[in-house]
Amino acid sequence: MSDCKHPYTPMKQTDYGYVSNEEIKIDKQLDKDLKKRLRKEGAFNLKKKTGEPG
């Protein structure tokens, strides 16, 4: 046995397995950044962008 203790990390069950609270925070931040970037690029606009006049 090792004398080194592993720090207890509470895990949450998700659809794809168990993740730590730290991973959940990181995922939320990444999602926020991605959505912000997509909104800036107009990915959520309902109007279709076309190069044709008219």
N, C-alpha and C. Protein backbone atom coordinates (compact mmCIF):
# COMPACT_ATOMS: atom_id res chain seq x y z
N MET A 1 0.83 -1.20 0.00
CA MET A 1 0.00 0.00 0.00
C MET A 1 0.87 1.26 0.00
N SER A 2 0.35 2.26 -0.64
CA SER A 2 1.08 3.52 -0.71
C SER A 2 0.64 4.45 0.42
N ASP A 3 1.57 5.25 0.94
CA ASP A 3 1.23 6.22 1.97
C ASP A 3 0.59 7.47 1.37
N CYS A 4 0.74 7.63 0.09
CA CYS A 4 0.22 8.80 -0.61
C CYS A 4 -1.31 8.68 -0.74
N LYS A 5 -2.02 9.68 -0.21
CA LYS A 5 -3.48 9.65 -0.29
C LYS A 5 -3.95 10.39 -1.53
N HIS A 6 -4.88 9.79 -2.20
CA HIS A 6 -5.45 10.43 -3.37
C HIS A 6 -6.55 11.38 -2.91
N PRO A 7 -6.54 12.63 -3.38
CA PRO A 7 -7.59 13.57 -2.97
C PRO A 7 -8.95 13.10 -3.49
N TYR A 8 -9.95 13.14 -2.63
CA TYR A 8 -11.28 12.69 -3.02
C TYR A 8 -11.90 13.71 -3.96
N THR A 9 -12.35 13.27 -5.09
CA THR A 9 -13.00 14.13 -6.06
C THR A 9 -14.43 13.63 -6.25
N PRO A 10 -15.41 14.43 -5.87
CA PRO A 10 -16.78 13.99 -6.09
C PRO A 10 -17.09 13.91 -7.58
N MET A 11 -17.68 12.81 -7.99
CA MET A 11 -17.96 12.61 -9.41
C MET A 11 -19.46 12.70 -9.65
N LYS A 12 -19.82 13.22 -10.80
CA LYS A 12 -21.23 13.29 -11.18
C LYS A 12 -21.44 12.37 -12.38
N GLN A 13 -22.57 11.67 -12.38
CA GLN A 13 -22.85 10.78 -13.49
C GLN A 13 -23.54 11.56 -14.59
N THR A 14 -23.04 11.38 -15.81
CA THR A 14 -23.64 12.02 -16.98
C THR A 14 -24.00 10.92 -17.97
N ASP A 15 -24.55 11.33 -19.11
CA ASP A 15 -24.92 10.37 -20.14
C ASP A 15 -23.71 9.59 -20.66
N TYR A 16 -22.53 10.23 -20.61
CA TYR A 16 -21.34 9.58 -21.17
C TYR A 16 -20.37 9.09 -20.11
N GLY A 17 -20.80 9.01 -18.86
CA GLY A 17 -19.93 8.47 -17.82
C GLY A 17 -19.83 9.40 -16.62
N TYR A 18 -18.78 9.26 -15.86
CA TYR A 18 -18.60 10.07 -14.66
C TYR A 18 -17.59 11.18 -14.93
N VAL A 19 -17.91 12.37 -14.48
CA VAL A 19 -17.00 13.51 -14.62
C VAL A 19 -16.90 14.23 -13.29
N SER A 20 -15.78 14.93 -13.09
CA SER A 20 -15.60 15.69 -11.85
C SER A 20 -16.23 17.07 -12.00
N ASN A 21 -16.40 17.75 -10.86
CA ASN A 21 -16.97 19.09 -10.89
C ASN A 21 -16.11 20.05 -11.69
N GLU A 22 -14.81 19.85 -11.63
CA GLU A 22 -13.88 20.71 -12.38
C GLU A 22 -14.11 20.57 -13.89
N GLU A 23 -14.30 19.32 -14.33
CA GLU A 23 -14.57 19.08 -15.75
C GLU A 23 -15.89 19.73 -16.18
N ILE A 24 -16.89 19.69 -15.29
CA ILE A 24 -18.18 20.30 -15.61
C ILE A 24 -18.02 21.80 -15.79
N LYS A 25 -17.24 22.44 -14.91
CA LYS A 25 -17.00 23.88 -15.02
C LYS A 25 -16.30 24.20 -16.34
N ILE A 26 -15.29 23.41 -16.70
CA ILE A 26 -14.54 23.64 -17.93
C ILE A 26 -15.46 23.48 -19.14
N ASP A 27 -16.27 22.43 -19.14
CA ASP A 27 -17.20 22.20 -20.25
C ASP A 27 -18.17 23.36 -20.42
N LYS A 28 -18.71 23.86 -19.30
CA LYS A 28 -19.65 24.99 -19.37
C LYS A 28 -18.98 26.22 -19.96
N GLN A 29 -17.74 26.49 -19.54
CA GLN A 29 -17.01 27.65 -20.04
C GLN A 29 -16.73 27.50 -21.53
N LEU A 30 -16.34 26.30 -21.95
CA LEU A 30 -16.06 26.06 -23.36
C LEU A 30 -17.33 26.22 -24.19
N ASP A 31 -18.46 25.69 -23.68
CA ASP A 31 -19.73 25.84 -24.38
C ASP A 31 -20.09 27.31 -24.54
N LYS A 32 -19.89 28.08 -23.46
CA LYS A 32 -20.20 29.50 -23.49
C LYS A 32 -19.36 30.21 -24.56
N ASP A 33 -18.05 29.91 -24.56
CA ASP A 33 -17.14 30.54 -25.52
C ASP A 33 -17.51 30.15 -26.95
N LEU A 34 -17.85 28.88 -27.16
CA LEU A 34 -18.21 28.41 -28.49
C LEU A 34 -19.47 29.09 -28.98
N LYS A 35 -20.49 29.14 -28.13
CA LYS A 35 -21.75 29.79 -28.51
C LYS A 35 -21.54 31.27 -28.81
N LYS A 36 -20.69 31.92 -28.01
CA LYS A 36 -20.39 33.34 -28.23
C LYS A 36 -19.77 33.53 -29.60
N ARG A 37 -18.81 32.66 -29.95
CA ARG A 37 -18.13 32.76 -31.23
C ARG A 37 -19.08 32.49 -32.40
N LEU A 38 -19.91 31.45 -32.24
CA LEU A 38 -20.86 31.12 -33.30
C LEU A 38 -21.87 32.25 -33.50
N ARG A 39 -22.33 32.85 -32.41
CA ARG A 39 -23.27 33.96 -32.51
C ARG A 39 -22.63 35.13 -33.25
N LYS A 40 -21.35 35.38 -32.96
CA LYS A 40 -20.61 36.47 -33.59
C LYS A 40 -20.47 36.21 -35.10
N GLU A 41 -20.31 34.95 -35.47
CA GLU A 41 -20.16 34.59 -36.88
C GLU A 41 -21.51 34.46 -37.59
N GLY A 42 -22.61 34.58 -36.84
CA GLY A 42 -23.93 34.53 -37.45
C GLY A 42 -24.44 33.12 -37.70
N ALA A 43 -23.96 32.16 -36.94
CA ALA A 43 -24.38 30.77 -37.15
C ALA A 43 -25.81 30.54 -36.68
N PHE A 44 -26.32 31.42 -35.78
CA PHE A 44 -27.66 31.22 -35.26
C PHE A 44 -28.71 32.06 -35.99
N ASN A 45 -28.29 32.77 -37.03
CA ASN A 45 -29.25 33.56 -37.79
C ASN A 45 -30.15 32.64 -38.59
N LEU A 46 -31.44 32.93 -38.62
CA LEU A 46 -32.38 32.08 -39.35
C LEU A 46 -32.36 32.39 -40.84
N LYS A 47 -31.96 33.62 -41.18
CA LYS A 47 -31.90 33.99 -42.61
C LYS A 47 -30.72 33.29 -43.25
N LYS A 48 -30.95 32.75 -44.45
CA LYS A 48 -29.85 32.08 -45.13
C LYS A 48 -28.98 33.12 -45.81
N LYS A 49 -27.70 32.94 -45.68
CA LYS A 49 -26.77 33.86 -46.36
C LYS A 49 -26.54 33.33 -47.77
N THR A 50 -26.79 34.20 -48.74
CA THR A 50 -26.53 33.81 -50.12
C THR A 50 -25.71 34.92 -50.77
N GLY A 51 -24.91 34.53 -51.69
CA GLY A 51 -24.08 35.51 -52.39
C GLY A 51 -24.82 36.19 -53.53
N GLU A 52 -26.02 35.70 -53.85
CA GLU A 52 -26.76 36.26 -54.97
C GLU A 52 -27.59 37.47 -54.54
N PRO A 53 -27.58 38.53 -55.36
CA PRO A 53 -28.45 39.67 -55.03
C PRO A 53 -29.92 39.31 -55.30
N GLY A 54 -30.80 39.87 -54.51
CA GLY A 54 -32.19 39.61 -54.81
C GLY A 54 -32.90 39.17 -53.63
